[in-house]
PDB file of all heavy atoms in Angstrom:
ATOM      1  N   MET A   1       0.814  -1.201  -0.010  1.00  0.00           N
ATOM      2  CA  MET A   1       0.022  -0.007  -0.021  1.00  0.00           C
ATOM      3  C   MET A   1       0.861   1.261   0.004  1.00  0.00           C
ATOM      4  O   MET A   1       0.496   2.238  -0.612  1.00  0.00           O
ATOM      5  CB  MET A   1      -0.899   0.013   1.212  1.00  0.00           C
ATOM      6  CG  MET A   1      -2.027  -0.999   1.150  1.00  0.00           C
ATOM      7  SD  MET A   1      -2.947  -1.022   2.725  1.00  0.00           S
ATOM      8  CE  MET A   1      -4.205  -2.215   2.378  1.00  0.00           C
ATOM      9  N   ALA A   2       1.949   1.228   0.697  1.00  0.00           N
ATOM     10  CA  ALA A   2       2.776   2.424   0.905  1.00  0.00           C
ATOM     11  C   ALA A   2       3.605   2.715  -0.359  1.00  0.00           C
ATOM     12  O   ALA A   2       3.902   3.888  -0.648  1.00  0.00           O
ATOM     13  CB  ALA A   2       3.744   2.263   2.089  1.00  0.00           C
ATOM     14  N   TYR A   3       4.000   1.727  -1.119  1.00  0.00           N
ATOM     15  CA  TYR A   3       4.919   1.932  -2.252  1.00  0.00           C
ATOM     16  C   TYR A   3       4.382   1.511  -3.630  1.00  0.00           C
ATOM     17  O   TYR A   3       4.983   1.736  -4.634  1.00  0.00           O
ATOM     18  CB  TYR A   3       6.224   1.175  -2.013  1.00  0.00           C
ATOM     19  CG  TYR A   3       6.976   1.633  -0.802  1.00  0.00           C
ATOM     20  CD1 TYR A   3       7.023   0.818   0.333  1.00  0.00           C
ATOM     21  CD2 TYR A   3       7.628   2.868  -0.744  1.00  0.00           C
ATOM     22  CE1 TYR A   3       7.655   1.262   1.504  1.00  0.00           C
ATOM     23  CE2 TYR A   3       8.311   3.282   0.367  1.00  0.00           C
ATOM     24  CZ  TYR A   3       8.340   2.451   1.481  1.00  0.00           C
ATOM     25  OH  TYR A   3       9.005   2.854   2.605  1.00  0.00           O
ATOM     26  N   GLY A   4       3.202   0.850  -3.635  1.00  0.00           N
ATOM     27  CA  GLY A   4       2.653   0.454  -4.902  1.00  0.00           C
ATOM     28  C   GLY A   4       3.473  -0.607  -5.615  1.00  0.00           C
ATOM     29  O   GLY A   4       3.419  -0.680  -6.838  1.00  0.00           O
ATOM     30  N   ILE A   5       4.164  -1.408  -4.853  1.00  0.00           N
ATOM     31  CA  ILE A   5       5.082  -2.416  -5.531  1.00  0.00           C
ATOM     32  C   ILE A   5       4.319  -3.655  -5.895  1.00  0.00           C
ATOM     33  O   ILE A   5       3.236  -3.946  -5.378  1.00  0.00           O
ATOM     34  CB  ILE A   5       6.286  -2.714  -4.639  1.00  0.00           C
ATOM     35  CG1 ILE A   5       5.902  -3.362  -3.311  1.00  0.00           C
ATOM     36  CG2 ILE A   5       7.128  -1.458  -4.371  1.00  0.00           C
ATOM     37  CD1 ILE A   5       7.040  -3.824  -2.474  1.00  0.00           C
ATOM     38  N   ARG A   6       4.892  -4.371  -6.824  1.00  0.00           N
ATOM     39  CA  ARG A   6       4.309  -5.652  -7.256  1.00  0.00           C
ATOM     40  C   ARG A   6       4.470  -6.732  -6.148  1.00  0.00           C
ATOM     41  O   ARG A   6       5.393  -6.665  -5.364  1.00  0.00           O
ATOM     42  CB  ARG A   6       5.080  -6.185  -8.511  1.00  0.00           C
ATOM     43  CG  ARG A   6       4.853  -5.345  -9.711  1.00  0.00           C
ATOM     44  CD  ARG A   6       5.675  -5.974 -10.912  1.00  0.00           C
ATOM     45  NE  ARG A   6       5.383  -5.229 -12.102  1.00  0.00           N
ATOM     46  CZ  ARG A   6       6.033  -4.120 -12.493  1.00  0.00           C
ATOM     47  NH1 ARG A   6       7.013  -3.709 -11.806  1.00  0.00           N
ATOM     48  NH2 ARG A   6       5.659  -3.497 -13.612  1.00  0.00           N
ATOM     49  N   GLY A   7       3.614  -7.699  -6.231  1.00  0.00           N
ATOM     50  CA  GLY A   7       3.731  -8.818  -5.308  1.00  0.00           C
ATOM     51  C   GLY A   7       5.080  -9.536  -5.425  1.00  0.00           C
ATOM     52  O   GLY A   7       5.663  -9.942  -4.401  1.00  0.00           O
ATOM     53  N   MET A   8       5.572  -9.651  -6.636  1.00  0.00           N
ATOM     54  CA  MET A   8       6.883 -10.306  -6.802  1.00  0.00           C
ATOM     55  C   MET A   8       8.007  -9.485  -6.215  1.00  0.00           C
ATOM     56  O   MET A   8       9.017 -10.053  -5.803  1.00  0.00           O
ATOM     57  CB  MET A   8       7.182 -10.585  -8.281  1.00  0.00           C
ATOM     58  CG  MET A   8       6.383 -11.744  -8.864  1.00  0.00           C
ATOM     59  SD  MET A   8       6.546 -13.290  -7.901  1.00  0.00           S
ATOM     60  CE  MET A   8       8.286 -13.645  -8.111  1.00  0.00           C
ATOM     61  N   SER A   9       7.846  -8.175  -6.128  1.00  0.00           N
ATOM     62  CA  SER A   9       8.862  -7.305  -5.444  1.00  0.00           C
ATOM     63  C   SER A   9       8.854  -7.615  -3.943  1.00  0.00           C
ATOM     64  O   SER A   9       9.871  -7.590  -3.337  1.00  0.00           O
ATOM     65  CB  SER A   9       8.618  -5.841  -5.723  1.00  0.00           C
ATOM     66  OG  SER A   9       8.783  -5.582  -7.098  1.00  0.00           O
ATOM     67  N   VAL A  10       7.694  -7.886  -3.410  1.00  0.00           N
ATOM     68  CA  VAL A  10       7.563  -8.286  -1.998  1.00  0.00           C
ATOM     69  C   VAL A  10       8.259  -9.635  -1.786  1.00  0.00           C
ATOM     70  O   VAL A  10       9.048  -9.819  -0.872  1.00  0.00           O
ATOM     71  CB  VAL A  10       6.110  -8.354  -1.542  1.00  0.00           C
ATOM     72  CG1 VAL A  10       5.978  -8.934  -0.137  1.00  0.00           C
ATOM     73  CG2 VAL A  10       5.466  -7.005  -1.643  1.00  0.00           C
ATOM     74  N   VAL A  11       8.002 -10.574  -2.668  1.00  0.00           N
ATOM     75  CA  VAL A  11       8.563 -11.914  -2.626  1.00  0.00           C
ATOM     76  C   VAL A  11      10.103 -11.852  -2.648  1.00  0.00           C
ATOM     77  O   VAL A  11      10.797 -12.526  -1.908  1.00  0.00           O
ATOM     78  CB  VAL A  11       8.043 -12.789  -3.776  1.00  0.00           C
ATOM     79  CG1 VAL A  11       8.883 -14.041  -3.954  1.00  0.00           C
ATOM     80  CG2 VAL A  11       6.566 -13.126  -3.591  1.00  0.00           C
ATOM     81  N   GLU A  12      10.646 -10.941  -3.495  1.00  0.00           N
ATOM     82  CA  GLU A  12      12.080 -10.923  -3.662  1.00  0.00           C
ATOM     83  C   GLU A  12      12.830 -10.003  -2.700  1.00  0.00           C
ATOM     84  O   GLU A  12      14.041  -9.884  -2.702  1.00  0.00           O
ATOM     85  CB  GLU A  12      12.353 -10.415  -5.115  1.00  0.00           C
ATOM     86  CG  GLU A  12      11.967 -11.419  -6.160  1.00  0.00           C
ATOM     87  CD  GLU A  12      12.094 -10.935  -7.558  1.00  0.00           C
ATOM     88  OE1 GLU A  12      12.368  -9.700  -7.740  1.00  0.00           O
ATOM     89  OE2 GLU A  12      11.875 -11.703  -8.497  1.00  0.00           O
ATOM     90  N   LEU A  13      12.061  -9.293  -1.818  1.00  0.00           N
ATOM     91  CA  LEU A  13      12.666  -8.416  -0.874  1.00  0.00           C
ATOM     92  C   LEU A  13      13.554  -9.262   0.115  1.00  0.00           C
ATOM     93  O   LEU A  13      13.061 -10.172   0.733  1.00  0.00           O
ATOM     94  CB  LEU A  13      11.604  -7.662  -0.042  1.00  0.00           C
ATOM     95  CG  LEU A  13      12.173  -6.612   0.937  1.00  0.00           C
ATOM     96  CD1 LEU A  13      12.791  -5.448   0.215  1.00  0.00           C
ATOM     97  CD2 LEU A  13      10.998  -6.127   1.792  1.00  0.00           C
ATOM     98  N   CYS A  14      14.811  -8.910   0.209  1.00  0.00           N
ATOM     99  CA  CYS A  14      15.770  -9.606   1.061  1.00  0.00           C
ATOM    100  C   CYS A  14      16.115  -8.746   2.263  1.00  0.00           C
ATOM    101  O   CYS A  14      15.989  -7.528   2.192  1.00  0.00           O
ATOM    102  CB  CYS A  14      17.011  -9.994   0.298  1.00  0.00           C
ATOM    103  SG  CYS A  14      16.702 -11.251  -0.993  1.00  0.00           S
ATOM    104  N   LEU A  15      16.588  -9.399   3.275  1.00  0.00           N
ATOM    105  CA  LEU A  15      16.936  -8.714   4.539  1.00  0.00           C
ATOM    106  C   LEU A  15      17.933  -7.587   4.254  1.00  0.00           C
ATOM    107  O   LEU A  15      17.821  -6.484   4.848  1.00  0.00           O
ATOM    108  CB  LEU A  15      17.501  -9.711   5.521  1.00  0.00           C
ATOM    109  CG  LEU A  15      16.502 -10.802   6.013  1.00  0.00           C
ATOM    110  CD1 LEU A  15      17.288 -11.878   6.827  1.00  0.00           C
ATOM    111  CD2 LEU A  15      15.468 -10.150   6.893  1.00  0.00           C
ATOM    112  N   GLU A  16      18.909  -7.799   3.404  1.00  0.00           N
ATOM    113  CA  GLU A  16      19.910  -6.747   3.098  1.00  0.00           C
ATOM    114  C   GLU A  16      19.391  -5.644   2.271  1.00  0.00           C
ATOM    115  O   GLU A  16      20.068  -4.606   2.065  1.00  0.00           O
ATOM    116  CB  GLU A  16      21.170  -7.357   2.444  1.00  0.00           C
ATOM    117  CG  GLU A  16      20.923  -8.158   1.228  1.00  0.00           C
ATOM    118  CD  GLU A  16      20.602  -9.675   1.498  1.00  0.00           C
ATOM    119  OE1 GLU A  16      20.401 -10.040   2.694  1.00  0.00           O
ATOM    120  OE2 GLU A  16      20.518 -10.441   0.540  1.00  0.00           O
ATOM    121  N   ASP A  17      18.105  -5.730   1.707  1.00  0.00           N
ATOM    122  CA  ASP A  17      17.522  -4.631   0.947  1.00  0.00           C
ATOM    123  C   ASP A  17      16.998  -3.546   1.851  1.00  0.00           C
ATOM    124  O   ASP A  17      16.678  -2.435   1.317  1.00  0.00           O
ATOM    125  CB  ASP A  17      16.416  -5.164   0.016  1.00  0.00           C
ATOM    126  CG  ASP A  17      16.855  -6.108  -1.016  1.00  0.00           C
ATOM    127  OD1 ASP A  17      18.098  -6.035  -1.388  1.00  0.00           O
ATOM    128  OD2 ASP A  17      16.101  -6.950  -1.480  1.00  0.00           O
ATOM    129  N   ILE A  18      16.916  -3.798   3.093  1.00  0.00           N
ATOM    130  CA  ILE A  18      16.438  -2.756   4.025  1.00  0.00           C
ATOM    131  C   ILE A  18      17.698  -2.223   4.746  1.00  0.00           C
ATOM    132  O   ILE A  18      18.332  -2.936   5.455  1.00  0.00           O
ATOM    133  CB  ILE A  18      15.420  -3.345   5.077  1.00  0.00           C
ATOM    134  CG1 ILE A  18      14.268  -3.977   4.307  1.00  0.00           C
ATOM    135  CG2 ILE A  18      14.985  -2.234   6.015  1.00  0.00           C
ATOM    136  CD1 ILE A  18      13.363  -4.791   5.198  1.00  0.00           C
ATOM    137  N   ASP A  19      17.940  -0.925   4.531  1.00  0.00           N
ATOM    138  CA  ASP A  19      19.065  -0.282   5.179  1.00  0.00           C
ATOM    139  C   ASP A  19      18.528   0.476   6.382  1.00  0.00           C
ATOM    140  O   ASP A  19      18.000   1.614   6.246  1.00  0.00           O
ATOM    141  CB  ASP A  19      19.777   0.636   4.193  1.00  0.00           C
ATOM    142  CG  ASP A  19      21.039   1.225   4.745  1.00  0.00           C
ATOM    143  OD1 ASP A  19      21.209   1.352   5.987  1.00  0.00           O
ATOM    144  OD2 ASP A  19      21.916   1.629   3.958  1.00  0.00           O
ATOM    145  N   TRP A  20      18.598  -0.178   7.550  1.00  0.00           N
ATOM    146  CA  TRP A  20      18.036   0.463   8.752  1.00  0.00           C
ATOM    147  C   TRP A  20      18.820   1.736   9.128  1.00  0.00           C
ATOM    148  O   TRP A  20      18.208   2.640   9.699  1.00  0.00           O
ATOM    149  CB  TRP A  20      18.036  -0.562   9.888  1.00  0.00           C
ATOM    150  CG  TRP A  20      17.227  -1.778   9.607  1.00  0.00           C
ATOM    151  CD1 TRP A  20      17.602  -2.993   9.218  1.00  0.00           C
ATOM    152  CD2 TRP A  20      15.769  -1.833   9.611  1.00  0.00           C
ATOM    153  NE1 TRP A  20      16.580  -3.803   8.962  1.00  0.00           N
ATOM    154  CE2 TRP A  20      15.401  -3.128   9.226  1.00  0.00           C
ATOM    155  CE3 TRP A  20      14.756  -0.905   9.899  1.00  0.00           C
ATOM    156  CZ2 TRP A  20      14.108  -3.588   9.158  1.00  0.00           C
ATOM    157  CZ3 TRP A  20      13.427  -1.355   9.819  1.00  0.00           C
ATOM    158  CH2 TRP A  20      13.086  -2.670   9.478  1.00  0.00           C
ATOM    159  N   GLN A  21      20.116   1.762   8.910  1.00  0.00           N
ATOM    160  CA  GLN A  21      20.892   2.924   9.275  1.00  0.00           C
ATOM    161  C   GLN A  21      20.472   4.177   8.512  1.00  0.00           C
ATOM    162  O   GLN A  21      20.405   5.278   8.995  1.00  0.00           O
ATOM    163  CB  GLN A  21      22.411   2.689   9.042  1.00  0.00           C
ATOM    164  CG  GLN A  21      22.932   1.545   9.874  1.00  0.00           C
ATOM    165  CD  GLN A  21      22.801   1.827  11.384  1.00  0.00           C
ATOM    166  OE1 GLN A  21      23.049   2.919  11.817  1.00  0.00           O
ATOM    167  NE2 GLN A  21      22.445   0.803  12.153  1.00  0.00           N
ATOM    168  N   ARG A  22      20.231   3.977   7.173  1.00  0.00           N
ATOM    169  CA  ARG A  22      19.819   5.107   6.319  1.00  0.00           C
ATOM    170  C   ARG A  22      18.327   5.239   6.148  1.00  0.00           C
ATOM    171  O   ARG A  22      17.855   6.144   5.460  1.00  0.00           O
ATOM    172  CB  ARG A  22      20.468   4.952   4.951  1.00  0.00           C
ATOM    173  CG  ARG A  22      21.963   5.081   4.981  1.00  0.00           C
ATOM    174  CD  ARG A  22      22.530   5.041   3.547  1.00  0.00           C
ATOM    175  NE  ARG A  22      23.943   5.295   3.517  1.00  0.00           N
ATOM    176  CZ  ARG A  22      24.872   4.340   3.651  1.00  0.00           C
ATOM    177  NH1 ARG A  22      24.528   3.085   3.751  1.00  0.00           N
ATOM    178  NH2 ARG A  22      26.173   4.642   3.610  1.00  0.00           N
ATOM    179  N   SER A  23      17.572   4.293   6.745  1.00  0.00           N
ATOM    180  CA  SER A  23      16.108   4.284   6.624  1.00  0.00           C
ATOM    181  C   SER A  23      15.650   4.284   5.134  1.00  0.00           C
ATOM    182  O   SER A  23      14.884   5.079   4.694  1.00  0.00           O
ATOM    183  CB  SER A  23      15.468   5.493   7.320  1.00  0.00           C
ATOM    184  OG  SER A  23      15.655   5.350   8.729  1.00  0.00           O
ATOM    185  N   THR A  24      16.225   3.342   4.390  1.00  0.00           N
ATOM    186  CA  THR A  24      15.900   3.139   2.984  1.00  0.00           C
ATOM    187  C   THR A  24      15.485   1.713   2.719  1.00  0.00           C
ATOM    188  O   THR A  24      15.872   0.790   3.463  1.00  0.00           O
ATOM    189  CB  THR A  24      17.027   3.576   2.033  1.00  0.00           C
ATOM    190  OG1 THR A  24      18.159   2.764   2.266  1.00  0.00           O
ATOM    191  CG2 THR A  24      17.374   5.041   2.170  1.00  0.00           C
ATOM    192  N   ILE A  25      14.834   1.514   1.577  1.00  0.00           N
ATOM    193  CA  ILE A  25      14.470   0.189   1.147  1.00  0.00           C
ATOM    194  C   ILE A  25      14.700   0.048  -0.334  1.00  0.00           C
ATOM    195  O   ILE A  25      14.383   1.007  -1.069  1.00  0.00           O
ATOM    196  CB  ILE A  25      12.986  -0.162   1.522  1.00  0.00           C
ATOM    197  CG1 ILE A  25      12.613  -1.595   1.235  1.00  0.00           C
ATOM    198  CG2 ILE A  25      11.985   0.835   0.871  1.00  0.00           C
ATOM    199  CD1 ILE A  25      11.324  -2.096   1.829  1.00  0.00           C
ATOM    200  N   LEU A  26      15.342  -0.959  -0.752  1.00  0.00           N
ATOM    201  CA  LEU A  26      15.646  -1.203  -2.142  1.00  0.00           C
ATOM    202  C   LEU A  26      14.539  -2.100  -2.764  1.00  0.00           C
ATOM    203  O   LEU A  26      14.283  -3.161  -2.253  1.00  0.00           O
ATOM    204  CB  LEU A  26      16.985  -1.929  -2.322  1.00  0.00           C
ATOM    205  CG  LEU A  26      17.314  -2.459  -3.728  1.00  0.00           C
ATOM    206  CD1 LEU A  26      17.618  -1.279  -4.665  1.00  0.00           C
ATOM    207  CD2 LEU A  26      18.477  -3.411  -3.679  1.00  0.00           C
ATOM    208  N   ILE A  27      13.920  -1.592  -3.814  1.00  0.00           N
ATOM    209  CA  ILE A  27      12.907  -2.368  -4.533  1.00  0.00           C
ATOM    210  C   ILE A  27      13.583  -2.803  -5.828  1.00  0.00           C
ATOM    211  O   ILE A  27      13.998  -1.969  -6.640  1.00  0.00           O
ATOM    212  CB  ILE A  27      11.629  -1.515  -4.821  1.00  0.00           C
ATOM    213  CG1 ILE A  27      11.068  -0.882  -3.580  1.00  0.00           C
ATOM    214  CG2 ILE A  27      10.616  -2.416  -5.554  1.00  0.00           C
ATOM    215  CD1 ILE A  27      10.711  -1.858  -2.467  1.00  0.00           C
ATOM    216  N   ARG A  28      13.730  -4.089  -5.982  1.00  0.00           N
ATOM    217  CA  ARG A  28      14.444  -4.650  -7.114  1.00  0.00           C
ATOM    218  C   ARG A  28      13.649  -4.482  -8.444  1.00  0.00           C
ATOM    219  O   ARG A  28      12.395  -4.460  -8.416  1.00  0.00           O
ATOM    220  CB  ARG A  28      14.750  -6.141  -6.899  1.00  0.00           C
ATOM    221  CG  ARG A  28      15.669  -6.353  -5.745  1.00  0.00           C
ATOM    222  CD  ARG A  28      15.852  -7.817  -5.465  1.00  0.00           C
ATOM    223  NE  ARG A  28      16.602  -7.983  -4.221  1.00  0.00           N
ATOM    224  CZ  ARG A  28      17.934  -8.055  -4.156  1.00  0.00           C
ATOM    225  NH1 ARG A  28      18.616  -7.951  -5.281  1.00  0.00           N
ATOM    226  NH2 ARG A  28      18.558  -8.246  -2.975  1.00  0.00           N
ATOM    227  N   ALA A  29      14.371  -4.381  -9.548  1.00  0.00           N
ATOM    228  CA  ALA A  29      13.768  -4.241 -10.849  1.00  0.00           C
ATOM    229  C   ALA A  29      12.902  -5.456 -11.209  1.00  0.00           C
ATOM    230  O   ALA A  29      13.250  -6.556 -10.933  1.00  0.00           O
ATOM    231  CB  ALA A  29      14.855  -4.052 -11.914  1.00  0.00           C
ATOM    232  N   ARG A  30      11.765  -5.163 -11.798  1.00  0.00           N
ATOM    233  CA  ARG A  30      10.850  -6.210 -12.293  1.00  0.00           C
ATOM    234  C   ARG A  30      10.410  -5.810 -13.734  1.00  0.00           C
ATOM    235  O   ARG A  30      10.259  -4.622 -14.025  1.00  0.00           O
ATOM    236  CB  ARG A  30       9.624  -6.333 -11.434  1.00  0.00           C
ATOM    237  CG  ARG A  30       9.849  -6.806 -10.007  1.00  0.00           C
ATOM    238  CD  ARG A  30      10.260  -8.246  -9.819  1.00  0.00           C
ATOM    239  NE  ARG A  30       9.330  -9.094 -10.535  1.00  0.00           N
ATOM    240  CZ  ARG A  30       9.673 -10.318 -11.009  1.00  0.00           C
ATOM    241  NH1 ARG A  30      10.831 -10.768 -10.866  1.00  0.00           N
ATOM    242  NH2 ARG A  30       8.798 -11.038 -11.604  1.00  0.00           N
ATOM    243  N   LYS A  31      10.061  -6.806 -14.543  1.00  0.00           N
ATOM    244  CA  LYS A  31       9.476  -6.566 -15.846  1.00  0.00           C
ATOM    245  C   LYS A  31      10.251  -5.541 -16.666  1.00  0.00           C
ATOM    246  O   LYS A  31       9.664  -4.650 -17.261  1.00  0.00           O
ATOM    247  CB  LYS A  31       8.022  -6.148 -15.749  1.00  0.00           C
ATOM    248  CG  LYS A  31       7.095  -7.247 -15.321  1.00  0.00           C
ATOM    249  CD  LYS A  31       5.663  -6.757 -15.428  1.00  0.00           C
ATOM    250  CE  LYS A  31       4.708  -7.862 -15.363  1.00  0.00           C
ATOM    251  NZ  LYS A  31       3.358  -7.352 -15.561  1.00  0.00           N
ATOM    252  N   GLY A  32      11.568  -5.566 -16.637  1.00  0.00           N
ATOM    253  CA  GLY A  32      12.357  -4.632 -17.454  1.00  0.00           C
ATOM    254  C   GLY A  32      12.394  -3.223 -16.895  1.00  0.00           C
ATOM    255  O   GLY A  32      12.896  -2.307 -17.535  1.00  0.00           O
ATOM    256  N   GLY A  33      11.925  -3.051 -15.698  1.00  0.00           N
ATOM    257  CA  GLY A  33      11.957  -1.749 -15.063  1.00  0.00           C
ATOM    258  C   GLY A  33      13.297  -1.493 -14.432  1.00  0.00           C
ATOM    259  O   GLY A  33      14.319  -2.110 -14.850  1.00  0.00           O
ATOM    260  N   LYS A  34      13.356  -0.644 -13.493  1.00  0.00           N
ATOM    261  CA  LYS A  34      14.648  -0.352 -12.831  1.00  0.00           C
ATOM    262  C   LYS A  34      14.471  -0.385 -11.322  1.00  0.00           C
ATOM    263  O   LYS A  34      13.404  -0.128 -10.776  1.00  0.00           O
ATOM    264  CB  LYS A  34      15.165   1.010 -13.279  1.00  0.00           C
ATOM    265  CG  LYS A  34      14.151   2.126 -13.152  1.00  0.00           C
ATOM    266  CD  LYS A  34      14.681   3.403 -13.839  1.00  0.00           C
ATOM    267  CE  LYS A  34      13.561   4.400 -13.855  1.00  0.00           C
ATOM    268  NZ  LYS A  34      13.860   5.585 -14.582  1.00  0.00           N
ATOM    269  N   GLU A  35      15.574  -0.826 -10.634  1.00  0.00           N
ATOM    270  CA  GLU A  35      15.441  -0.841  -9.210  1.00  0.00           C
ATOM    271  C   GLU A  35      15.475   0.588  -8.684  1.00  0.00           C
ATOM    272  O   GLU A  35      15.983   1.516  -9.306  1.00  0.00           O
ATOM    273  CB  GLU A  35      16.566  -1.718  -8.590  1.00  0.00           C
ATOM    274  CG  GLU A  35      17.937  -1.243  -8.816  1.00  0.00           C
ATOM    275  CD  GLU A  35      18.943  -2.220  -8.167  1.00  0.00           C
ATOM    276  OE1 GLU A  35      18.686  -3.443  -8.233  1.00  0.00           O
ATOM    277  OE2 GLU A  35      19.967  -1.753  -7.687  1.00  0.00           O
ATOM    278  N   VAL A  36      14.847   0.728  -7.523  1.00  0.00           N
ATOM    279  CA  VAL A  36      14.718   2.038  -6.918  1.00  0.00           C
ATOM    280  C   VAL A  36      14.952   1.941  -5.429  1.00  0.00           C
ATOM    281  O   VAL A  36      14.545   0.956  -4.781  1.00  0.00           O
ATOM    282  CB  VAL A  36      13.331   2.659  -7.298  1.00  0.00           C
ATOM    283  CG1 VAL A  36      12.199   1.844  -6.731  1.00  0.00           C
ATOM    284  CG2 VAL A  36      13.264   4.109  -6.817  1.00  0.00           C
ATOM    285  N   VAL A  37      15.649   2.962  -4.877  1.00  0.00           N
ATOM    286  CA  VAL A  37      15.839   3.030  -3.432  1.00  0.00           C
ATOM    287  C   VAL A  37      14.876   4.115  -2.886  1.00  0.00           C
ATOM    288  O   VAL A  37      14.911   5.235  -3.400  1.00  0.00           O
ATOM    289  CB  VAL A  37      17.310   3.350  -3.100  1.00  0.00           C
ATOM    290  CG1 VAL A  37      17.443   3.567  -1.569  1.00  0.00           C
ATOM    291  CG2 VAL A  37      18.215   2.302  -3.610  1.00  0.00           C
ATOM    292  N   LEU A  38      14.048   3.740  -1.927  1.00  0.00           N
ATOM    293  CA  LEU A  38      13.056   4.643  -1.393  1.00  0.00           C
ATOM    294  C   LEU A  38      13.244   4.855   0.072  1.00  0.00           C
ATOM    295  O   LEU A  38      13.827   4.017   0.765  1.00  0.00           O
ATOM    296  CB  LEU A  38      11.656   4.027  -1.634  1.00  0.00           C
ATOM    297  CG  LEU A  38      11.255   3.819  -3.114  1.00  0.00           C
ATOM    298  CD1 LEU A  38      10.020   2.949  -3.164  1.00  0.00           C
ATOM    299  CD2 LEU A  38      11.076   5.131  -3.800  1.00  0.00           C
TER     300      LEU A  38
END
């Protein structure tokens, strides 16, 4: 709901994709898109 990401992006989210120190989250590229850090 917060990021509008695909279900597969949720499935592929790994522990190291969450940077707790910088308060960011990496959303991996899907369907030819591009990854984004939010």
